[in-house]
N, C-alpha and C. Protein backbone atom coordinates (compact mmCIF):
# COMPACT_ATOMS: atom_id res chain seq x y z
N MET A 1 -16.12 -0.69 41.31
CA MET A 1 -15.93 0.46 40.43
C MET A 1 -14.91 0.10 39.35
N LYS A 2 -15.27 0.41 38.12
CA LYS A 2 -14.42 0.09 36.99
C LYS A 2 -13.34 1.15 36.83
N LEU A 3 -12.11 0.71 36.65
CA LEU A 3 -10.99 1.63 36.45
C LEU A 3 -11.07 2.28 35.09
N LYS A 4 -10.82 3.57 35.04
CA LYS A 4 -10.84 4.29 33.78
C LYS A 4 -9.45 4.23 33.15
N ILE A 5 -9.38 3.71 31.94
CA ILE A 5 -8.11 3.58 31.24
C ILE A 5 -7.91 4.79 30.34
N SER A 6 -6.70 5.34 30.37
CA SER A 6 -6.40 6.50 29.52
C SER A 6 -6.38 6.07 28.06
N LEU A 7 -6.48 7.06 27.19
CA LEU A 7 -6.45 6.80 25.76
C LEU A 7 -5.11 6.19 25.36
N ARG A 8 -4.04 6.70 25.96
CA ARG A 8 -2.70 6.18 25.70
C ARG A 8 -2.60 4.72 26.16
N GLY A 9 -3.15 4.42 27.31
CA GLY A 9 -3.15 3.05 27.82
C GLY A 9 -3.91 2.10 26.91
N ARG A 10 -5.04 2.57 26.40
CA ARG A 10 -5.83 1.75 25.47
C ARG A 10 -5.03 1.47 24.19
N ALA A 11 -4.40 2.51 23.68
CA ALA A 11 -3.62 2.36 22.44
C ALA A 11 -2.49 1.36 22.64
N ILE A 12 -1.79 1.46 23.75
CA ILE A 12 -0.67 0.55 24.03
C ILE A 12 -1.19 -0.88 24.21
N ALA A 13 -2.32 -1.02 24.86
CA ALA A 13 -2.91 -2.36 25.05
C ALA A 13 -3.29 -2.98 23.70
N ILE A 14 -3.85 -2.19 22.81
CA ILE A 14 -4.23 -2.69 21.49
C ILE A 14 -2.98 -3.10 20.71
N LEU A 15 -1.95 -2.24 20.74
CA LEU A 15 -0.73 -2.53 19.99
C LEU A 15 0.05 -3.70 20.58
N ALA A 16 -0.11 -3.94 21.88
CA ALA A 16 0.57 -5.07 22.50
C ALA A 16 -0.03 -6.40 22.03
N ARG A 17 -1.31 -6.38 21.69
CA ARG A 17 -1.99 -7.60 21.25
C ARG A 17 -1.74 -7.92 19.78
N GLN A 18 -1.70 -6.87 18.94
CA GLN A 18 -1.60 -7.11 17.51
C GLN A 18 -1.01 -5.91 16.78
N GLU A 19 -0.41 -6.19 15.64
CA GLU A 19 0.05 -5.13 14.74
C GLU A 19 -1.20 -4.57 14.07
N ILE A 20 -1.30 -3.26 13.97
CA ILE A 20 -2.52 -2.64 13.46
C ILE A 20 -2.17 -1.35 12.72
N SER A 21 -2.95 -0.99 11.72
CA SER A 21 -2.68 0.23 10.96
C SER A 21 -3.13 1.45 11.76
N ARG A 22 -2.60 2.59 11.35
CA ARG A 22 -2.94 3.84 12.03
C ARG A 22 -4.44 4.12 11.94
N ALA A 23 -5.02 3.89 10.77
CA ALA A 23 -6.45 4.15 10.58
C ALA A 23 -7.31 3.24 11.45
N GLU A 24 -6.93 1.98 11.56
CA GLU A 24 -7.69 1.05 12.41
C GLU A 24 -7.55 1.42 13.88
N LEU A 25 -6.35 1.83 14.28
CA LEU A 25 -6.13 2.25 15.66
C LEU A 25 -6.98 3.48 15.98
N THR A 26 -7.05 4.41 15.05
CA THR A 26 -7.89 5.60 15.23
C THR A 26 -9.35 5.20 15.39
N ARG A 27 -9.80 4.28 14.54
CA ARG A 27 -11.19 3.82 14.60
C ARG A 27 -11.50 3.17 15.95
N LYS A 28 -10.56 2.39 16.47
CA LYS A 28 -10.79 1.72 17.75
C LYS A 28 -10.73 2.68 18.93
N LEU A 29 -9.94 3.73 18.81
CA LEU A 29 -9.79 4.67 19.92
C LEU A 29 -10.86 5.76 19.93
N ARG A 30 -11.41 6.09 18.77
CA ARG A 30 -12.35 7.21 18.65
C ARG A 30 -13.50 7.17 19.66
N PRO A 31 -14.13 6.03 19.94
CA PRO A 31 -15.23 6.03 20.92
C PRO A 31 -14.79 6.41 22.34
N HIS A 32 -13.50 6.34 22.62
CA HIS A 32 -13.02 6.59 23.98
C HIS A 32 -12.37 7.97 24.13
N VAL A 33 -12.41 8.79 23.09
CA VAL A 33 -11.80 10.12 23.14
C VAL A 33 -12.65 11.04 23.99
N GLU A 34 -12.00 11.77 24.89
CA GLU A 34 -12.68 12.77 25.71
C GLU A 34 -12.26 14.16 25.26
N GLU A 35 -12.83 15.18 25.89
CA GLU A 35 -12.60 16.56 25.48
C GLU A 35 -11.12 16.94 25.38
N ASN A 36 -10.36 16.61 26.38
CA ASN A 36 -8.97 17.07 26.42
C ASN A 36 -7.99 16.11 25.75
N ASP A 37 -8.46 15.05 25.13
CA ASP A 37 -7.58 14.09 24.45
C ASP A 37 -7.29 14.55 23.02
N ASP A 38 -6.03 14.45 22.63
CA ASP A 38 -5.63 14.74 21.26
C ASP A 38 -5.14 13.44 20.63
N ILE A 39 -6.01 12.84 19.85
CA ILE A 39 -5.71 11.52 19.30
C ILE A 39 -4.58 11.57 18.27
N GLU A 40 -4.52 12.64 17.48
CA GLU A 40 -3.48 12.74 16.44
C GLU A 40 -2.08 12.83 17.05
N SER A 41 -1.94 13.62 18.10
CA SER A 41 -0.61 13.72 18.73
C SER A 41 -0.22 12.39 19.38
N LEU A 42 -1.20 11.68 19.93
CA LEU A 42 -0.92 10.37 20.51
C LEU A 42 -0.46 9.40 19.43
N LEU A 43 -1.14 9.40 18.29
CA LEU A 43 -0.75 8.51 17.19
C LEU A 43 0.62 8.87 16.64
N ASP A 44 0.92 10.18 16.57
CA ASP A 44 2.25 10.62 16.13
C ASP A 44 3.33 10.13 17.09
N GLU A 45 3.06 10.23 18.39
CA GLU A 45 4.02 9.77 19.40
C GLU A 45 4.26 8.26 19.27
N LEU A 46 3.20 7.50 19.09
CA LEU A 46 3.33 6.05 18.94
C LEU A 46 4.15 5.70 17.69
N ALA A 47 3.95 6.46 16.62
CA ALA A 47 4.72 6.23 15.40
C ALA A 47 6.19 6.61 15.59
N GLU A 48 6.45 7.72 16.29
CA GLU A 48 7.83 8.15 16.55
C GLU A 48 8.59 7.12 17.37
N ARG A 49 7.92 6.50 18.31
CA ARG A 49 8.55 5.48 19.15
C ARG A 49 8.60 4.11 18.48
N HIS A 50 8.11 4.04 17.25
CA HIS A 50 8.08 2.80 16.46
C HIS A 50 7.21 1.73 17.11
N TRP A 51 6.21 2.15 17.86
CA TRP A 51 5.27 1.20 18.45
C TRP A 51 4.15 0.89 17.46
N GLN A 52 3.93 1.81 16.54
CA GLN A 52 2.93 1.62 15.50
C GLN A 52 3.55 2.06 14.18
N SER A 53 3.45 1.20 13.17
CA SER A 53 4.02 1.51 11.86
C SER A 53 3.16 0.88 10.78
N ASP A 54 2.67 1.71 9.87
CA ASP A 54 1.88 1.18 8.76
C ASP A 54 2.73 0.31 7.84
N ALA A 55 4.01 0.67 7.68
CA ALA A 55 4.91 -0.13 6.83
C ALA A 55 5.10 -1.52 7.43
N ARG A 56 5.35 -1.58 8.72
CA ARG A 56 5.52 -2.87 9.39
C ARG A 56 4.23 -3.69 9.32
N TYR A 57 3.10 -3.01 9.50
CA TYR A 57 1.81 -3.69 9.42
C TYR A 57 1.59 -4.27 8.02
N ALA A 58 1.87 -3.47 6.99
CA ALA A 58 1.69 -3.94 5.61
C ALA A 58 2.59 -5.13 5.33
N GLU A 59 3.84 -5.05 5.76
CA GLU A 59 4.78 -6.16 5.54
C GLU A 59 4.30 -7.44 6.24
N THR A 60 3.90 -7.31 7.48
CA THR A 60 3.43 -8.46 8.25
C THR A 60 2.17 -9.07 7.63
N TYR A 61 1.22 -8.22 7.27
CA TYR A 61 -0.03 -8.68 6.68
C TYR A 61 0.22 -9.41 5.36
N ILE A 62 1.04 -8.81 4.51
CA ILE A 62 1.32 -9.42 3.21
C ILE A 62 2.07 -10.74 3.37
N ASN A 63 3.03 -10.77 4.28
CA ASN A 63 3.77 -12.02 4.51
C ASN A 63 2.85 -13.14 4.99
N SER A 64 1.87 -12.80 5.80
CA SER A 64 0.99 -13.84 6.34
C SER A 64 -0.08 -14.29 5.35
N LYS A 65 -0.49 -13.42 4.44
CA LYS A 65 -1.61 -13.74 3.54
C LYS A 65 -1.21 -14.03 2.10
N SER A 66 0.02 -13.71 1.70
CA SER A 66 0.38 -13.80 0.28
C SER A 66 0.41 -15.23 -0.25
N ARG A 67 0.51 -16.21 0.60
CA ARG A 67 0.55 -17.60 0.12
C ARG A 67 -0.83 -18.09 -0.33
N ILE A 68 -1.88 -17.45 0.16
CA ILE A 68 -3.23 -17.90 -0.21
C ILE A 68 -4.03 -16.86 -0.99
N HIS A 69 -3.53 -15.62 -1.06
CA HIS A 69 -4.24 -14.57 -1.78
C HIS A 69 -3.32 -13.90 -2.79
N GLY A 70 -3.92 -13.40 -3.86
CA GLY A 70 -3.18 -12.69 -4.88
C GLY A 70 -3.02 -11.22 -4.53
N ASN A 71 -2.22 -10.53 -5.34
CA ASN A 71 -1.93 -9.12 -5.08
C ASN A 71 -3.18 -8.24 -5.09
N LEU A 72 -4.13 -8.53 -5.96
CA LEU A 72 -5.33 -7.70 -6.02
C LEU A 72 -6.10 -7.74 -4.70
N ARG A 73 -6.23 -8.91 -4.14
CA ARG A 73 -6.96 -9.06 -2.87
C ARG A 73 -6.17 -8.44 -1.72
N LEU A 74 -4.85 -8.60 -1.73
CA LEU A 74 -4.01 -8.02 -0.68
C LEU A 74 -4.10 -6.49 -0.71
N GLN A 75 -4.02 -5.92 -1.92
CA GLN A 75 -4.11 -4.47 -2.05
C GLN A 75 -5.45 -3.96 -1.55
N GLN A 76 -6.52 -4.61 -1.95
CA GLN A 76 -7.86 -4.19 -1.54
C GLN A 76 -8.03 -4.25 -0.03
N SER A 77 -7.58 -5.33 0.58
CA SER A 77 -7.71 -5.49 2.03
C SER A 77 -6.94 -4.41 2.78
N LEU A 78 -5.72 -4.15 2.34
CA LEU A 78 -4.90 -3.16 3.04
C LEU A 78 -5.43 -1.74 2.83
N LYS A 79 -5.96 -1.45 1.64
CA LYS A 79 -6.55 -0.13 1.41
C LYS A 79 -7.75 0.07 2.33
N GLN A 80 -8.55 -0.98 2.53
CA GLN A 80 -9.69 -0.88 3.44
C GLN A 80 -9.25 -0.65 4.87
N LYS A 81 -8.05 -1.11 5.20
CA LYS A 81 -7.52 -0.93 6.55
C LYS A 81 -6.77 0.38 6.70
N GLY A 82 -6.75 1.20 5.64
CA GLY A 82 -6.18 2.53 5.72
C GLY A 82 -4.70 2.64 5.42
N VAL A 83 -4.12 1.64 4.78
CA VAL A 83 -2.70 1.68 4.44
C VAL A 83 -2.55 2.32 3.06
N LYS A 84 -1.56 3.20 2.91
CA LYS A 84 -1.34 3.91 1.65
C LYS A 84 -0.84 2.96 0.57
N ALA A 85 -1.23 3.25 -0.67
CA ALA A 85 -0.89 2.40 -1.82
C ALA A 85 0.61 2.27 -2.01
N GLU A 86 1.37 3.34 -1.74
CA GLU A 86 2.83 3.30 -1.92
C GLU A 86 3.46 2.27 -0.98
N LEU A 87 2.98 2.23 0.25
CA LEU A 87 3.50 1.25 1.22
C LEU A 87 3.15 -0.17 0.80
N ILE A 88 1.95 -0.35 0.31
CA ILE A 88 1.50 -1.67 -0.09
C ILE A 88 2.38 -2.20 -1.23
N ALA A 89 2.63 -1.35 -2.22
CA ALA A 89 3.40 -1.76 -3.39
C ALA A 89 4.81 -2.21 -3.03
N ASP A 90 5.38 -1.64 -1.98
CA ASP A 90 6.75 -2.00 -1.58
C ASP A 90 6.88 -3.45 -1.12
N TYR A 91 5.81 -4.02 -0.61
CA TYR A 91 5.89 -5.34 0.02
C TYR A 91 5.17 -6.45 -0.74
N LEU A 92 4.51 -6.13 -1.85
CA LEU A 92 3.78 -7.16 -2.60
C LEU A 92 4.75 -8.15 -3.25
N PRO A 93 4.36 -9.42 -3.34
CA PRO A 93 5.22 -10.42 -3.97
C PRO A 93 5.39 -10.15 -5.47
N ASN A 94 6.54 -10.57 -6.01
CA ASN A 94 6.77 -10.38 -7.44
C ASN A 94 5.98 -11.42 -8.24
N LYS A 95 6.07 -11.32 -9.55
CA LYS A 95 5.24 -12.17 -10.42
C LYS A 95 5.57 -13.66 -10.24
N ALA A 96 6.84 -14.01 -10.12
CA ALA A 96 7.22 -15.42 -9.96
C ALA A 96 6.65 -16.00 -8.66
N GLU A 97 6.71 -15.22 -7.58
CA GLU A 97 6.14 -15.68 -6.31
C GLU A 97 4.63 -15.85 -6.41
N GLN A 98 3.98 -14.90 -7.10
CA GLN A 98 2.53 -14.99 -7.26
C GLN A 98 2.14 -16.25 -8.03
N ILE A 99 2.90 -16.55 -9.09
CA ILE A 99 2.59 -17.73 -9.89
C ILE A 99 2.75 -19.00 -9.05
N SER A 100 3.85 -19.09 -8.30
CA SER A 100 4.04 -20.29 -7.48
C SER A 100 2.98 -20.40 -6.39
N ASN A 101 2.56 -19.26 -5.82
CA ASN A 101 1.49 -19.28 -4.82
C ASN A 101 0.17 -19.72 -5.44
N ALA A 102 -0.13 -19.21 -6.64
CA ALA A 102 -1.37 -19.57 -7.32
C ALA A 102 -1.39 -21.06 -7.67
N VAL A 103 -0.26 -21.58 -8.13
CA VAL A 103 -0.16 -23.01 -8.45
C VAL A 103 -0.39 -23.85 -7.19
N ALA A 104 0.23 -23.45 -6.09
CA ALA A 104 0.08 -24.19 -4.83
C ALA A 104 -1.36 -24.18 -4.34
N VAL A 105 -2.01 -23.01 -4.41
CA VAL A 105 -3.41 -22.89 -3.97
C VAL A 105 -4.31 -23.74 -4.87
N LEU A 106 -4.05 -23.68 -6.16
CA LEU A 106 -4.86 -24.44 -7.13
C LEU A 106 -4.72 -25.94 -6.91
N GLN A 107 -3.49 -26.41 -6.73
CA GLN A 107 -3.26 -27.84 -6.55
C GLN A 107 -3.78 -28.34 -5.20
N LYS A 108 -3.78 -27.47 -4.21
CA LYS A 108 -4.32 -27.88 -2.91
C LYS A 108 -5.84 -28.04 -2.98
N LYS A 109 -6.50 -27.11 -3.66
CA LYS A 109 -7.96 -27.14 -3.75
C LYS A 109 -8.44 -28.24 -4.71
N TYR A 110 -7.80 -28.30 -5.87
CA TYR A 110 -8.21 -29.25 -6.91
C TYR A 110 -7.04 -30.19 -7.19
N ARG A 111 -7.21 -31.43 -6.90
CA ARG A 111 -6.13 -32.42 -7.00
C ARG A 111 -5.83 -32.88 -8.44
N ARG A 112 -6.75 -32.61 -9.36
CA ARG A 112 -6.55 -33.08 -10.73
C ARG A 112 -6.84 -31.94 -11.71
N PRO A 113 -6.33 -32.04 -12.93
CA PRO A 113 -6.59 -30.99 -13.92
C PRO A 113 -8.07 -30.96 -14.31
N PRO A 114 -8.53 -29.83 -14.82
CA PRO A 114 -9.95 -29.74 -15.22
C PRO A 114 -10.24 -30.71 -16.37
N SER A 115 -11.40 -31.32 -16.31
CA SER A 115 -11.75 -32.31 -17.34
C SER A 115 -12.50 -31.69 -18.51
N ASP A 116 -13.11 -30.54 -18.30
CA ASP A 116 -13.82 -29.87 -19.39
C ASP A 116 -13.75 -28.36 -19.19
N LEU A 117 -14.34 -27.63 -20.13
CA LEU A 117 -14.28 -26.17 -20.10
C LEU A 117 -14.99 -25.59 -18.89
N LYS A 118 -16.11 -26.18 -18.52
CA LYS A 118 -16.86 -25.70 -17.36
C LYS A 118 -16.02 -25.82 -16.09
N GLU A 119 -15.34 -26.92 -15.93
CA GLU A 119 -14.49 -27.11 -14.75
C GLU A 119 -13.29 -26.16 -14.78
N LYS A 120 -12.75 -25.92 -15.97
CA LYS A 120 -11.63 -24.98 -16.10
C LYS A 120 -12.06 -23.58 -15.65
N HIS A 121 -13.25 -23.17 -16.06
CA HIS A 121 -13.77 -21.86 -15.64
C HIS A 121 -13.98 -21.81 -14.13
N LYS A 122 -14.41 -22.92 -13.57
CA LYS A 122 -14.59 -23.01 -12.12
C LYS A 122 -13.25 -22.80 -11.41
N TYR A 123 -12.20 -23.43 -11.89
CA TYR A 123 -10.86 -23.28 -11.31
C TYR A 123 -10.38 -21.83 -11.43
N MET A 124 -10.62 -21.26 -12.61
CA MET A 124 -10.18 -19.87 -12.85
C MET A 124 -10.94 -18.90 -11.96
N HIS A 125 -12.22 -19.13 -11.79
CA HIS A 125 -13.03 -18.27 -10.92
C HIS A 125 -12.53 -18.35 -9.48
N PHE A 126 -12.16 -19.53 -9.04
CA PHE A 126 -11.62 -19.71 -7.69
C PHE A 126 -10.38 -18.85 -7.49
N LEU A 127 -9.46 -18.88 -8.45
CA LEU A 127 -8.23 -18.08 -8.33
C LEU A 127 -8.53 -16.59 -8.42
N ALA A 128 -9.48 -16.21 -9.27
CA ALA A 128 -9.85 -14.79 -9.38
C ALA A 128 -10.44 -14.29 -8.06
N TYR A 129 -11.25 -15.11 -7.43
CA TYR A 129 -11.83 -14.74 -6.13
C TYR A 129 -10.73 -14.57 -5.08
N ARG A 130 -9.68 -15.34 -5.20
CA ARG A 130 -8.56 -15.23 -4.27
C ARG A 130 -7.69 -14.01 -4.54
N GLY A 131 -7.95 -13.29 -5.63
CA GLY A 131 -7.25 -12.04 -5.90
C GLY A 131 -6.08 -12.14 -6.85
N PHE A 132 -6.01 -13.20 -7.62
CA PHE A 132 -4.95 -13.33 -8.61
C PHE A 132 -5.41 -12.70 -9.92
N SER A 133 -4.49 -12.03 -10.63
CA SER A 133 -4.84 -11.40 -11.90
C SER A 133 -4.94 -12.46 -13.00
N MET A 134 -5.54 -12.09 -14.13
CA MET A 134 -5.78 -13.06 -15.19
C MET A 134 -4.50 -13.62 -15.79
N ASP A 135 -3.46 -12.81 -15.92
CA ASP A 135 -2.22 -13.36 -16.48
C ASP A 135 -1.59 -14.37 -15.52
N ILE A 136 -1.69 -14.12 -14.22
CA ILE A 136 -1.19 -15.07 -13.22
C ILE A 136 -2.05 -16.34 -13.26
N ILE A 137 -3.36 -16.18 -13.38
CA ILE A 137 -4.28 -17.32 -13.42
C ILE A 137 -3.97 -18.21 -14.63
N ASN A 138 -3.82 -17.59 -15.80
CA ASN A 138 -3.54 -18.37 -17.01
C ASN A 138 -2.22 -19.13 -16.90
N THR A 139 -1.20 -18.47 -16.39
CA THR A 139 0.10 -19.13 -16.23
C THR A 139 0.01 -20.26 -15.21
N ALA A 140 -0.68 -20.01 -14.10
CA ALA A 140 -0.83 -21.03 -13.06
C ALA A 140 -1.62 -22.23 -13.57
N MET A 141 -2.67 -21.98 -14.34
CA MET A 141 -3.46 -23.08 -14.89
C MET A 141 -2.60 -23.95 -15.81
N HIS A 142 -1.72 -23.31 -16.55
CA HIS A 142 -0.84 -24.06 -17.46
C HIS A 142 0.21 -24.85 -16.68
N ARG A 143 0.81 -24.22 -15.67
CA ARG A 143 1.91 -24.85 -14.93
C ARG A 143 1.46 -25.87 -13.89
N ALA A 144 0.26 -25.74 -13.40
CA ALA A 144 -0.19 -26.58 -12.28
C ALA A 144 -0.13 -28.07 -12.60
N TRP A 145 -0.49 -28.40 -13.81
CA TRP A 145 -0.53 -29.82 -14.17
C TRP A 145 0.29 -30.12 -15.42
N GLU A 146 1.31 -29.34 -15.69
CA GLU A 146 2.08 -29.58 -16.91
C GLU A 146 2.83 -30.91 -16.85
N GLU A 147 3.14 -31.41 -15.65
CA GLU A 147 3.80 -32.70 -15.54
C GLU A 147 2.82 -33.85 -15.75
N SER A 148 1.56 -33.60 -15.38
CA SER A 148 0.58 -34.69 -15.48
C SER A 148 0.19 -34.93 -16.93
N ILE A 149 -0.24 -36.12 -17.20
CA ILE A 149 -0.63 -36.49 -18.56
C ILE A 149 -2.12 -36.20 -18.72
N LEU A 150 -2.43 -35.36 -19.69
CA LEU A 150 -3.83 -35.03 -19.96
C LEU A 150 -4.42 -36.08 -20.91
N PRO A 151 -5.74 -36.23 -20.92
CA PRO A 151 -6.38 -37.20 -21.82
C PRO A 151 -6.04 -36.91 -23.28
N GLU A 152 -5.98 -37.96 -24.06
CA GLU A 152 -5.68 -37.83 -25.48
C GLU A 152 -6.81 -37.07 -26.18
N GLU A 153 -6.51 -36.55 -27.37
CA GLU A 153 -7.50 -35.77 -28.11
C GLU A 153 -8.72 -36.61 -28.49
N GLU A 154 -8.53 -37.91 -28.70
CA GLU A 154 -9.66 -38.76 -29.06
C GLU A 154 -10.71 -38.77 -27.95
N PHE A 155 -10.27 -38.58 -26.73
CA PHE A 155 -11.17 -38.56 -25.59
C PHE A 155 -12.21 -37.45 -25.73
N TRP A 156 -11.80 -36.33 -26.32
CA TRP A 156 -12.69 -35.16 -26.41
C TRP A 156 -13.63 -35.25 -27.60
N GLU A 157 -13.36 -36.11 -28.54
CA GLU A 157 -14.18 -36.16 -29.76
C GLU A 157 -15.42 -36.99 -29.60
């Protein structure tokens, strides 16, 4: 016979494994709600005890993903997970951090500067897909290989 786990027990088990947003926790618990269960009061209790926090979740998520993704992608992912925009904005990296992250991602993926316009667009598309804004992309493209020597102008003629 399978033991029946209470809604509170399920919530604690989920939170013990991973940091999770309130909306995701609700989604995971909803299939197990019975007539006399009040999911909102349970979620409020978990938040009061600081066992579940959207702010902590947003901070943790952004810290783990900001080195490989830009702010646009981070915002979109967290909004899909039910985190409020105000909380997200508090933890997003500043412009200087974004530029250094974009340069690092670009140099890791592509070891040399673009040789032509088509390749440059390919590099830019890669960064855009990662969620970096166009001003960050342009700055990163300029800074990524500014130390390296580019081909002379005669090469292009």
